[in-house]
Amino acid sequence: MWWPSILVQVSLFRALHETGKRPKSGLTRTQFFLIVLATSFSYYIFPGYLFTMLTSFSWVCWMFPNSVLGQQLGSGLKGLGIGSFGFDWSTMSDTYKAKTFPIYSSNLYRSNGSRYDILSIVDSRFQLDRGVYSQLGRVNLSTFFAMTYGIGFATLSATVVHVLLFNGRDLVRQSRRAFGDRKMDVHTRLMKRYKQVPVWWFVAILVVNIAVILFACEYYNATLQLKWWGVLLACAVAIFFTLPIGIINATTNQQPGLNIITEYIIGYAYPERPVANICFKVYGYISMAQALTFLSDFKLGHYMKIPPRSMFVVQVVGTIVAVMVYLGTAWWMMESIPNLCDQDKLPADSPWMCPMDKVFFDASVIWGLVGPRRIFGDLGEYGNVNWFFGGGAYKAFPSQTWIRYVNMPVLLGATSVMPPASAVNYTSWIAVGFVSGFVIYRWRPKLWNRYNYVCSGGLDAGTAFMTILIFFCLQNRNVAVDWWGTRPDGCPLASCPTAKGVSVDGCPPA
């Protein structure tokens, strides 16, 4: 079993530590990486600042400048993205009153199409005010948002079923080897020269962390809301799903998330408490995700022959430093940036819209404050979405060899970041992946093997460096450029509702 996610890291490691003679023809990996980095760095000033429309090139909207339907179909940011494409490396129905709300939105709405005032239904204890909620009516989702949750349900059940069907025997065999004599490959034999990490190091960190979390949740329960049993339940969820999701991650480089199932579980077990829902999701989902990242890094160290104890120390120290940096950065941003993440008060092209945080907040409202019973249960109107659980638990032709290559967790889980990811991210990703993975590989396989992952790393690095430079030199000083090319997408009508009687500023009457 191998980890495709470490191939970029391995390629970059080799590129930056390349020794030996220069190849007879072409560039070394180091030279190629630096050229790609410089090119990506120089280019990103256009989609990142001067010509932001390159992020989503939605030409269909130009053909229908006054059509809501045309722009809903063509917009790569607020619609279905038909024909849209992004020249930016960083991008890559009628159900449930669909005409009343924007076709693509992570916002929450009232039944009349207006935005839901979330703060009005929160009482002084940060719990649901049932009286106000009954007056305002049920929370409504855009059709796209509701279907995203449904696909998330299907992804979860598909992950468990897929692993049991196609990896069950491997799990049993590997488990027996783990507790018995194991055949060592060349990498394991070489790594035997180093001192291994004692098991008690891992156990000590686990016990200390759980103890600190239990103390925090009990001592600061009025703020965090989560009970001690919720912490232990979150740990159990993380432990149970780490193995099956780790197998999917190892074989496909895709990691289905536990965010929905953790929200669902605590939403029913401890409803109307949004902060408790957030804490449970962090302890259940993020713990699993960090565990797989930790394993991935150790796998990289295993192949690159890095001493395990050195890798362990770097991981622990890096985590502590990262926490301090993240906390300091967040504190600085909240103090220095006006209206941070407030999408109602910020301009549409503001870099401080915080789309991931917006989805995170709305999820805490759906699953924590209002609760799954009032959204997807007998008190809500989205109960049919639960049928997606059965759709993911497929068992079609498991004896056929070709079915192994139809990976339902990957096909379904690919949409897990929508929203905030939009259609243009996927259309561009598919196009680039097709060119890289099929055309170039078929045409020049040796060229692909030598430079593909190095190219990806160089594009990432160049884009990241230019993003930081743009912020500190331009955006942080309120230096803005306003022209036709800096108005993203060019589809202002894509978020307009089409139901009769629903009026929104800037939208034509239905």
Protein backbone atom coordinates (compact mmCIF):
# COMPACT_ATOMS: atom_id res chain seq x y z
CA MET A 1 0.00 0.00 0.00
CA TRP A 2 1.43 3.38 -0.90
CA TRP A 3 0.52 7.03 -0.43
CA PRO A 4 0.11 8.97 -3.71
CA SER A 5 -0.07 12.19 -1.72
CA ILE A 6 3.61 11.97 -0.85
CA LEU A 7 4.79 11.73 -4.47
CA VAL A 8 4.89 15.51 -4.86
CA GLN A 9 6.84 15.79 -1.61
CA VAL A 10 9.26 13.04 -2.60
CA SER A 11 9.79 14.59 -6.05
CA LEU A 12 10.49 18.00 -4.50
CA PHE A 13 12.82 16.47 -1.92
CA ARG A 14 14.81 14.77 -4.66
CA ALA A 15 14.74 17.88 -6.81
CA LEU A 16 16.12 20.10 -4.05
CA HIS A 17 18.76 17.53 -3.04
CA GLU A 18 19.66 16.33 -6.51
CA THR A 19 23.23 15.23 -6.97
CA GLY A 20 25.16 13.60 -9.74
CA LYS A 21 25.70 14.37 -13.35
CA ARG A 22 23.39 16.58 -15.36
CA PRO A 23 21.19 14.63 -17.81
CA LYS A 24 22.41 14.48 -21.38
CA SER A 25 19.38 16.41 -22.60
CA GLY A 26 16.86 18.59 -20.85
CA LEU A 27 16.87 20.21 -17.42
CA THR A 28 17.60 18.84 -14.01
CA ARG A 29 14.66 18.61 -11.63
CA THR A 30 16.04 21.50 -9.59
CA GLN A 31 16.32 23.75 -12.65
CA PHE A 32 12.86 22.78 -13.82
CA PHE A 33 11.35 23.40 -10.36
CA LEU A 34 12.92 26.88 -10.13
CA ILE A 35 11.74 27.80 -13.63
CA VAL A 36 8.17 26.69 -12.91
CA LEU A 37 8.21 28.48 -9.55
CA ALA A 38 9.41 31.74 -11.12
CA THR A 39 6.89 31.47 -13.95
CA SER A 40 4.00 30.73 -11.59
CA PHE A 41 5.12 33.53 -9.28
CA SER A 42 5.21 36.05 -12.13
CA TYR A 43 1.92 34.94 -13.69
CA TYR A 44 -0.19 34.96 -10.55
CA ILE A 45 -0.13 38.76 -10.34
CA PHE A 46 -2.77 38.66 -13.10
CA PRO A 47 -5.47 36.30 -11.70
CA GLY A 48 -4.54 37.28 -8.15
CA TYR A 49 -4.72 41.08 -8.58
CA LEU A 50 -4.66 42.74 -12.01
CA PHE A 51 -7.04 40.50 -14.01
CA THR A 52 -9.09 38.52 -11.49
CA MET A 53 -11.63 37.46 -14.11
CA LEU A 54 -9.08 34.82 -15.12
CA THR A 55 -10.14 32.95 -11.99
CA SER A 56 -13.44 32.10 -13.68
CA PHE A 57 -13.70 32.70 -17.42
CA SER A 58 -17.47 32.29 -17.90
CA TRP A 59 -18.07 33.14 -21.55
CA VAL A 60 -21.65 31.81 -21.53
CA CYS A 61 -22.68 34.78 -19.36
CA TRP A 62 -21.48 37.19 -22.07
CA MET A 63 -23.89 35.61 -24.54
CA PHE A 64 -26.85 36.10 -22.15
CA PRO A 65 -26.15 39.35 -20.28
CA ASN A 66 -29.78 39.79 -19.20
CA SER A 67 -30.79 36.18 -18.62
CA VAL A 68 -30.87 34.83 -15.07
CA LEU A 69 -31.13 31.24 -16.33
CA GLY A 70 -28.24 31.71 -18.77
CA GLN A 71 -25.98 33.07 -16.05
CA GLN A 72 -27.03 30.39 -13.58
CA LEU A 73 -25.94 27.79 -16.12
CA GLY A 74 -22.73 29.51 -17.17
CA SER A 75 -21.34 31.06 -13.99
CA GLY A 76 -18.33 29.21 -12.67
CA LEU A 77 -18.58 30.86 -9.24
CA LYS A 78 -22.33 31.14 -8.55
CA GLY A 79 -23.83 28.67 -11.02
CA LEU A 80 -23.32 25.31 -12.71
CA GLY A 81 -20.20 26.42 -14.58
CA ILE A 82 -21.16 25.11 -18.04
CA GLY A 83 -18.37 26.16 -20.38
CA SER A 84 -16.47 28.04 -17.69
CA PHE A 85 -12.74 27.65 -17.19
CA GLY A 86 -10.18 29.13 -14.84
CA PHE A 87 -6.71 30.31 -15.89
CA ASP A 88 -5.69 30.39 -12.24
CA TRP A 89 -3.73 27.57 -10.59
CA SER A 90 -5.41 28.29 -7.23
CA THR A 91 -8.87 27.44 -8.60
CA MET A 92 -8.61 24.18 -9.94
CA SER A 93 -33.06 21.00 -10.54
CA ASP A 94 -36.41 22.20 -9.00
CA THR A 95 -36.42 20.49 -5.74
CA TYR A 96 -36.83 22.08 -2.33
CA LYS A 97 -38.11 25.42 -3.65
CA ALA A 98 -35.06 25.79 -5.87
CA LYS A 99 -36.45 28.83 -7.69
CA THR A 100 -36.89 30.73 -4.43
CA PHE A 101 -33.20 30.68 -3.50
CA PRO A 102 -29.89 31.13 -5.37
CA ILE A 103 -28.94 27.99 -7.25
CA TYR A 104 -25.49 27.93 -5.64
CA SER A 105 -25.19 29.27 -2.10
CA SER A 106 -24.08 28.18 1.36
CA ASN A 107 -26.31 30.79 3.01
CA LEU A 108 -29.43 29.98 5.03
CA TYR A 109 -32.83 31.38 4.01
CA ARG A 110 -36.38 31.88 5.18
CA SER A 111 -39.23 30.44 3.14
CA ASN A 112 -39.85 33.83 1.46
CA GLY A 113 -36.34 33.89 -0.02
CA SER A 114 -34.77 36.36 2.43
CA ARG A 115 -31.60 35.62 4.38
CA TYR A 116 -32.16 34.04 7.79
CA ASP A 117 -31.20 36.21 10.77
CA ILE A 118 -29.25 33.63 12.72
CA LEU A 119 -28.39 35.81 15.71
CA SER A 120 -32.07 36.43 16.40
CA ILE A 121 -32.70 32.75 17.24
CA VAL A 122 -29.76 32.43 19.66
CA ASP A 123 -30.46 33.00 23.35
CA SER A 124 -28.07 34.21 26.05
CA ARG A 125 -26.75 30.68 26.61
CA PHE A 126 -25.83 30.31 22.91
CA GLN A 127 -28.66 27.84 22.47
CA LEU A 128 -31.73 27.82 20.24
CA ASP A 129 -34.53 30.23 21.19
CA ARG A 130 -37.46 28.01 20.24
CA GLY A 131 -40.03 30.81 20.50
CA VAL A 132 -38.28 33.09 18.02
CA TYR A 133 -37.50 30.15 15.73
CA SER A 134 -41.16 29.13 15.59
CA GLN A 135 -42.07 32.72 14.60
CA LEU A 136 -39.44 33.04 11.88
CA GLY A 137 -40.11 29.57 10.46
CA ARG A 138 -37.86 26.78 9.27
CA VAL A 139 -34.34 27.23 7.97
CA ASN A 140 -34.12 26.60 4.22
CA LEU A 141 -31.06 25.59 2.18
CA SER A 142 -30.26 26.15 -1.45
CA THR A 143 -30.82 23.02 -3.52
CA PHE A 144 -27.10 22.75 -4.18
CA PHE A 145 -26.29 22.94 -0.46
CA ALA A 146 -28.88 20.27 0.41
CA MET A 147 -27.60 17.94 -2.32
CA THR A 148 -24.04 18.44 -1.08
CA TYR A 149 -25.07 17.03 2.28
CA GLY A 150 -26.83 14.15 0.55
CA ILE A 151 -23.69 13.28 -1.41
CA GLY A 152 -21.76 13.49 1.87
CA PHE A 153 -24.10 10.85 3.34
CA ALA A 154 -23.56 8.61 0.33
CA THR A 155 -19.77 9.08 0.47
CA LEU A 156 -19.62 7.92 4.07
CA SER A 157 -21.56 4.70 3.54
CA ALA A 158 -19.75 4.07 0.25
CA THR A 159 -16.40 4.33 2.05
CA VAL A 160 -17.27 1.66 4.60
CA VAL A 161 -18.84 -0.70 2.05
CA HIS A 162 -16.03 -0.26 -0.49
CA VAL A 163 -13.33 -1.05 2.06
CA LEU A 164 -15.18 -4.14 3.32
CA LEU A 165 -15.83 -5.46 -0.19
CA PHE A 166 -12.47 -4.85 -1.81
CA ASN A 167 -10.00 -4.56 1.06
CA GLY A 168 -11.49 -6.86 3.68
CA ARG A 169 -9.08 -9.74 3.07
CA ASP A 170 -6.12 -7.38 3.00
CA LEU A 171 -7.21 -5.94 6.34
CA VAL A 172 -7.35 -9.38 7.95
CA ARG A 173 -4.01 -10.45 6.45
CA GLN A 174 -2.21 -7.24 7.42
CA SER A 175 -3.69 -7.38 10.92
CA ARG A 176 -2.33 -10.90 11.42
CA ARG A 177 1.09 -9.84 10.18
CA ALA A 178 1.08 -6.84 12.51
CA PHE A 179 0.88 -9.17 15.52
CA GLY A 180 3.21 -11.84 14.14
CA ASP A 181 6.33 -12.22 12.05
CA ARG A 182 6.47 -9.82 9.16
CA LYS A 183 8.50 -10.00 6.01
CA MET A 184 10.65 -6.90 5.74
CA ASP A 185 11.17 -5.14 2.44
CA VAL A 186 14.35 -3.25 1.61
CA HIS A 187 13.06 0.00 3.10
CA THR A 188 12.19 -1.62 6.42
CA ARG A 189 15.57 -3.37 6.61
CA LEU A 190 17.41 -0.08 6.07
CA MET A 191 15.25 1.73 8.63
CA LYS A 192 16.14 -0.92 11.23
CA ARG A 193 19.47 0.86 11.64
CA TYR A 194 17.68 3.72 13.40
CA LYS A 195 16.13 3.67 16.85
CA GLN A 196 12.36 3.31 16.59
CA VAL A 197 9.88 5.58 18.32
CA PRO A 198 8.73 3.94 21.59
CA VAL A 199 5.02 3.21 21.73
CA TRP A 200 4.73 4.95 25.08
CA TRP A 201 5.60 8.29 23.39
CA PHE A 202 2.41 8.06 21.34
CA VAL A 203 0.35 6.80 24.28
CA ALA A 204 1.60 9.60 26.52
CA ILE A 205 0.62 12.29 24.01
CA LEU A 206 -2.79 10.66 23.50
CA VAL A 207 -3.54 10.41 27.23
CA VAL A 208 -2.35 13.95 27.99
CA ASN A 209 -4.40 15.44 25.16
CA ILE A 210 -7.59 13.60 26.09
CA ALA A 211 -7.13 14.63 29.73
CA VAL A 212 -6.67 18.28 28.78
CA ILE A 213 -9.73 18.19 26.52
CA LEU A 214 -11.86 16.59 29.22
CA PHE A 215 -10.75 19.21 31.73
CA ALA A 216 -11.43 22.08 29.31
CA CYS A 217 -14.90 20.81 28.37
CA GLU A 218 -15.91 20.29 31.99
CA TYR A 219 -14.35 23.41 33.49
CA TYR A 220 -15.44 25.71 30.65
CA ASN A 221 -18.68 23.89 29.91
CA ALA A 222 -20.74 27.09 29.86
CA THR A 223 -18.67 28.18 26.86
CA LEU A 224 -17.75 24.94 25.10
CA GLN A 225 -21.08 23.18 25.92
CA LEU A 226 -19.67 19.69 25.21
CA LYS A 227 -19.94 17.09 27.99
CA TRP A 228 -17.23 14.59 28.92
CA TRP A 229 -19.08 11.73 27.25
CA GLY A 230 -19.10 13.73 24.02
CA VAL A 231 -15.30 13.90 24.07
CA LEU A 232 -14.99 10.14 24.47
CA LEU A 233 -17.60 9.53 21.76
CA ALA A 234 -15.70 11.82 19.37
CA CYS A 235 -12.51 9.86 20.06
CA ALA A 236 -14.33 6.60 19.31
CA VAL A 237 -15.63 7.98 15.99
CA ALA A 238 -12.12 9.10 14.99
CA ILE A 239 -10.60 5.71 15.86
CA PHE A 240 -13.31 3.75 14.04
CA PHE A 241 -13.06 5.67 10.75
CA THR A 242 -9.29 6.20 10.60
CA LEU A 243 -8.62 2.78 9.07
CA PRO A 244 -11.26 2.70 6.28
CA ILE A 245 -10.68 6.32 5.31
CA GLY A 246 -6.94 5.76 5.50
CA ILE A 247 -7.27 2.94 2.97
CA ILE A 248 -9.21 5.16 0.58
CA ASN A 249 -6.63 7.90 1.07
CA ALA A 250 -3.73 5.52 0.50
CA THR A 251 -5.08 4.06 -2.72
CA THR A 252 -6.68 7.12 -4.32
CA ASN A 253 -5.16 10.22 -2.66
CA GLN A 254 -8.72 11.31 -1.75
CA GLN A 255 -9.84 11.65 1.85
CA PRO A 256 -13.58 11.46 2.56
CA GLY A 257 -14.42 13.71 5.49
CA LEU A 258 -16.15 12.93 8.76
CA ASN A 259 -17.54 16.42 9.19
CA ILE A 260 -21.11 15.49 8.29
CA ILE A 261 -21.39 12.29 10.32
CA THR A 262 -19.84 13.90 13.41
CA GLU A 263 -22.27 16.80 13.13
CA TYR A 264 -25.15 14.39 12.61
CA ILE A 265 -24.29 12.23 15.66
CA ILE A 266 -23.86 15.04 18.19
CA GLY A 267 -26.73 17.00 16.63
CA TYR A 268 -29.14 14.22 17.61
CA ALA A 269 -27.41 13.27 20.87
CA TYR A 270 -27.02 16.84 22.17
CA PRO A 271 -29.16 19.21 20.07
CA GLU A 272 -29.51 23.01 20.05
CA ARG A 273 -25.90 23.62 21.17
CA PRO A 274 -23.82 24.95 18.26
CA VAL A 275 -20.50 25.27 20.10
CA ALA A 276 -20.73 21.69 21.34
CA ASN A 277 -21.35 20.63 17.74
CA ILE A 278 -18.24 22.46 16.57
CA CYS A 279 -16.08 20.97 19.33
CA PHE A 280 -17.34 17.45 18.64
CA LYS A 281 -16.58 17.85 14.94
CA VAL A 282 -13.07 19.05 15.67
CA TYR A 283 -12.31 16.21 18.08
CA GLY A 284 -13.91 13.55 15.86
CA TYR A 285 -13.13 14.67 12.30
CA ILE A 286 -9.96 16.75 12.60
CA SER A 287 -8.34 14.16 14.87
CA MET A 288 -8.80 11.54 12.15
CA ALA A 289 -7.53 13.88 9.44
CA GLN A 290 -4.46 14.84 11.48
CA ALA A 291 -3.75 11.19 12.22
CA LEU A 292 -3.66 10.40 8.50
CA THR A 293 -1.43 13.42 7.85
CA PHE A 294 0.88 12.23 10.61
CA LEU A 295 1.04 8.76 9.05
CA SER A 296 1.64 10.24 5.61
CA ASP A 297 4.61 12.21 6.89
CA PHE A 298 6.03 9.13 8.58
CA LYS A 299 5.60 7.23 5.34
CA LEU A 300 7.58 9.94 3.57
CA GLY A 301 10.29 9.67 6.21
CA HIS A 302 10.29 5.89 5.80
CA TYR A 303 10.99 6.08 2.07
CA MET A 304 13.47 8.96 2.40
CA LYS A 305 15.32 7.14 5.26
CA ILE A 306 14.78 9.88 7.83
CA PRO A 307 15.32 8.68 11.44
CA PRO A 308 11.89 7.97 13.00
CA ARG A 309 12.68 9.77 16.26
CA SER A 310 13.81 12.86 14.37
CA MET A 311 10.60 12.78 12.35
CA PHE A 312 8.56 12.42 15.55
CA VAL A 313 10.26 15.40 17.21
CA VAL A 314 9.79 17.54 14.11
CA GLN A 315 6.10 16.63 14.03
CA VAL A 316 5.54 17.56 17.68
CA VAL A 317 7.56 20.78 17.54
CA GLY A 318 5.98 21.75 14.22
CA THR A 319 2.49 21.23 15.64
CA ILE A 320 3.22 23.44 18.66
CA VAL A 321 4.74 26.17 16.49
CA ALA A 322 1.85 25.98 14.03
CA VAL A 323 -0.72 26.40 16.80
CA MET A 324 1.03 29.51 18.05
CA VAL A 325 1.37 30.97 14.57
CA TYR A 326 -2.27 30.25 13.67
CA LEU A 327 -3.54 31.73 16.92
CA GLY A 328 -1.36 34.83 16.59
CA THR A 329 -2.35 35.34 12.96
CA ALA A 330 -6.06 34.95 13.71
CA TRP A 331 -5.81 37.37 16.63
CA TRP A 332 -3.97 39.93 14.48
CA MET A 333 -6.50 39.63 11.64
CA MET A 334 -9.48 40.07 13.95
CA GLU A 335 -7.91 43.17 15.49
CA SER A 336 -6.63 44.84 12.30
CA ILE A 337 -9.10 43.95 9.51
CA PRO A 338 -12.52 45.67 9.71
CA ASN A 339 -15.58 43.46 9.15
CA LEU A 340 -13.45 40.35 8.81
CA CYS A 341 -15.53 37.49 7.31
CA ASP A 342 -18.73 39.60 7.39
CA GLN A 343 -19.95 38.99 3.85
CA ASP A 344 -22.83 41.45 4.26
CA LYS A 345 -20.46 44.37 4.90
CA LEU A 346 -17.54 43.49 2.63
CA PRO A 347 -17.37 44.16 -1.14
CA ALA A 348 -17.84 41.17 -3.44
CA ASP A 349 -14.18 41.10 -4.45
CA SER A 350 -12.81 41.34 -0.90
CA PRO A 351 -10.10 38.79 -0.04
CA TRP A 352 -11.50 38.58 3.50
CA MET A 353 -14.80 36.85 2.75
CA CYS A 354 -13.69 33.65 4.54
CA PRO A 355 -15.75 31.17 2.46
CA MET A 356 -14.57 28.11 4.41
CA ASP A 357 -15.40 29.76 7.72
CA LYS A 358 -18.81 30.78 6.38
CA VAL A 359 -19.64 27.18 5.53
CA PHE A 360 -18.30 26.09 8.92
CA PHE A 361 -20.54 28.61 10.69
CA ASP A 362 -23.64 27.68 8.70
CA ALA A 363 -22.98 24.02 9.42
CA SER A 364 -22.92 24.77 13.15
CA VAL A 365 -26.33 26.40 12.73
CA ILE A 366 -27.81 23.53 10.71
CA TRP A 367 -26.49 20.67 12.83
CA GLY A 368 -25.88 22.32 16.18
CA LEU A 369 -28.23 25.25 16.79
CA VAL A 370 -31.31 24.11 14.85
CA GLY A 371 -30.40 20.43 14.90
CA PRO A 372 -30.69 17.60 12.34
CA ARG A 373 -34.18 16.67 13.52
CA ARG A 374 -35.53 20.09 12.45
CA ILE A 375 -33.65 19.92 9.12
CA PHE A 376 -33.35 16.27 8.06
CA GLY A 377 -35.70 14.61 10.56
CA ASP A 378 -39.42 14.43 11.18
CA LEU A 379 -39.59 18.16 12.01
CA GLY A 380 -37.82 19.28 8.82
CA GLU A 381 -38.44 19.19 5.09
CA TYR A 382 -35.17 17.63 3.94
CA GLY A 383 -35.82 14.13 5.27
CA ASN A 384 -35.55 12.54 1.82
CA VAL A 385 -31.88 13.46 1.74
CA ASN A 386 -31.29 10.61 4.20
CA TRP A 387 -31.94 8.15 1.37
CA PHE A 388 -28.48 9.02 0.09
CA PHE A 389 -27.05 6.84 2.87
CA GLY A 390 -28.50 3.82 1.09
CA GLY A 391 -27.29 5.06 -2.28
CA GLY A 392 -23.71 5.01 -1.05
CA ALA A 393 -23.99 1.50 0.41
CA TYR A 394 -23.72 -0.14 -2.98
CA LYS A 395 -22.86 -3.77 -3.69
CA ALA A 396 -22.82 -4.03 -7.45
CA PHE A 397 -20.79 -6.80 -9.12
CA PRO A 398 -18.14 -7.13 -6.37
CA SER A 399 -16.74 -10.24 -8.03
CA GLN A 400 -15.87 -8.43 -11.26
CA THR A 401 -12.26 -7.29 -11.50
CA TRP A 402 -13.09 -4.07 -13.34
CA ILE A 403 -15.37 -2.83 -10.56
CA ARG A 404 -12.32 -2.18 -8.40
CA TYR A 405 -11.45 0.70 -10.69
CA VAL A 406 -14.87 2.34 -10.18
CA ASN A 407 -14.25 3.89 -6.79
CA MET A 408 -17.52 5.29 -5.49
CA PRO A 409 -16.03 7.02 -2.42
CA VAL A 410 -13.81 9.03 -4.75
CA LEU A 411 -16.53 9.77 -7.31
CA LEU A 412 -18.93 10.92 -4.61
CA GLY A 413 -16.39 12.47 -2.25
CA ALA A 414 -14.87 14.67 -4.95
CA THR A 415 -17.65 17.19 -4.31
CA SER A 416 -17.06 17.37 -0.56
CA VAL A 417 -15.62 20.88 -0.71
CA MET A 418 -18.55 22.30 -2.67
CA PRO A 419 -19.31 24.80 -1.24
CA PRO A 420 -17.14 26.85 -0.90
CA ALA A 421 -15.44 25.38 -3.97
CA SER A 422 -17.35 26.30 -7.12
CA ALA A 423 -17.94 24.72 -10.50
CA VAL A 424 -14.92 26.37 -12.15
CA ASN A 425 -12.60 24.67 -9.66
CA TYR A 426 -13.78 21.31 -10.93
CA THR A 427 -13.96 22.05 -14.66
CA SER A 428 -10.42 23.43 -14.59
CA TRP A 429 -9.18 20.56 -12.43
CA ILE A 430 -10.62 17.96 -14.80
CA ALA A 431 -9.16 19.68 -17.86
CA VAL A 432 -5.67 20.01 -16.37
CA GLY A 433 -5.79 16.46 -15.01
CA PHE A 434 -6.79 15.11 -18.43
CA VAL A 435 -3.96 16.92 -20.19
CA SER A 436 -1.40 15.94 -17.56
CA GLY A 437 -2.53 12.41 -16.81
CA PHE A 438 -3.55 11.23 -20.25
CA VAL A 439 -2.18 13.33 -23.08
CA ILE A 440 1.31 14.03 -21.74
CA TYR A 441 1.72 10.61 -20.18
CA ARG A 442 0.68 8.85 -23.38
CA TRP A 443 2.85 11.11 -25.48
CA ARG A 444 5.99 11.35 -23.33
CA PRO A 445 5.81 8.97 -20.33
CA LYS A 446 9.44 9.55 -19.33
CA LEU A 447 8.91 13.30 -19.41
CA TRP A 448 5.79 12.91 -17.27
CA ASN A 449 7.53 10.68 -14.74
CA ARG A 450 10.45 13.08 -14.37
CA TYR A 451 8.71 16.45 -14.20
CA ASN A 452 4.97 16.05 -13.45
CA TYR A 453 5.03 16.22 -9.65
CA VAL A 454 7.88 18.73 -9.62
CA CYS A 455 5.77 20.96 -11.89
CA SER A 456 2.82 20.71 -9.50
CA GLY A 457 5.00 21.67 -6.56
CA GLY A 458 6.53 24.59 -8.44
CA LEU A 459 3.12 25.95 -9.43
CA ASP A 460 1.93 25.68 -5.82
CA ALA A 461 5.01 27.42 -4.46
CA GLY A 462 4.98 30.25 -7.00
CA THR A 463 1.28 30.93 -6.46
CA ALA A 464 1.70 30.91 -2.67
CA PHE A 465 4.64 33.32 -2.69
CA MET A 466 2.88 35.78 -5.00
CA THR A 467 -0.29 35.61 -2.89
CA ILE A 468 1.69 36.64 0.19
CA LEU A 469 3.49 39.40 -1.74
CA ILE A 470 0.21 40.81 -3.13
CA PHE A 471 -1.31 40.95 0.33
CA PHE A 472 1.55 42.68 2.14
CA CYS A 473 2.48 45.07 -0.67
CA LEU A 474 -0.92 45.94 -2.14
CA GLN A 475 -4.06 44.65 -0.44
CA ASN A 476 -2.84 45.40 3.08
CA ARG A 477 -2.31 49.02 1.96
CA ASN A 478 -5.77 49.21 0.32
CA VAL A 479 -4.24 49.56 -3.15
CA ALA A 480 -6.97 48.32 -5.49
CA VAL A 481 -7.47 48.08 -9.25
CA ASP A 482 -10.98 48.52 -10.64
CA TRP A 483 -11.73 47.72 -14.26
CA TRP A 484 -13.72 45.22 -16.30
CA GLY A 485 -11.14 42.46 -15.79
CA THR A 486 -11.25 42.72 -12.00
CA ARG A 487 -14.98 42.01 -11.74
CA PRO A 488 -15.02 38.26 -11.06
CA ASP A 489 -16.98 35.94 -13.31
CA GLY A 490 -18.98 38.59 -15.17
CA CYS A 491 -22.22 36.87 -14.14
CA PRO A 492 -24.00 39.25 -11.73
CA LEU A 493 -27.41 37.59 -12.22
CA ALA A 494 -26.28 34.03 -11.44
CA SER A 495 -27.36 34.23 -7.79
CA CYS A 496 -30.82 35.66 -8.53
CA PRO A 497 -33.92 33.61 -7.60
CA THR A 498 -36.49 32.92 -10.31
CA ALA A 499 -39.63 32.26 -8.25
CA LYS A 500 -42.49 34.69 -8.80
CA GLY A 501 -43.01 37.20 -6.02
CA VAL A 502 -39.44 36.93 -4.69
CA SER A 503 -37.67 40.27 -5.05
CA VAL A 504 -33.92 40.76 -4.56
CA ASP A 505 -31.99 43.98 -5.10
CA GLY A 506 -30.09 43.99 -8.39
CA CYS A 507 -32.14 41.15 -9.87
CA PRO A 508 -34.80 41.46 -12.61
CA PRO A 509 -38.38 40.57 -11.68
CA ALA A 510 -39.31 36.94 -12.28
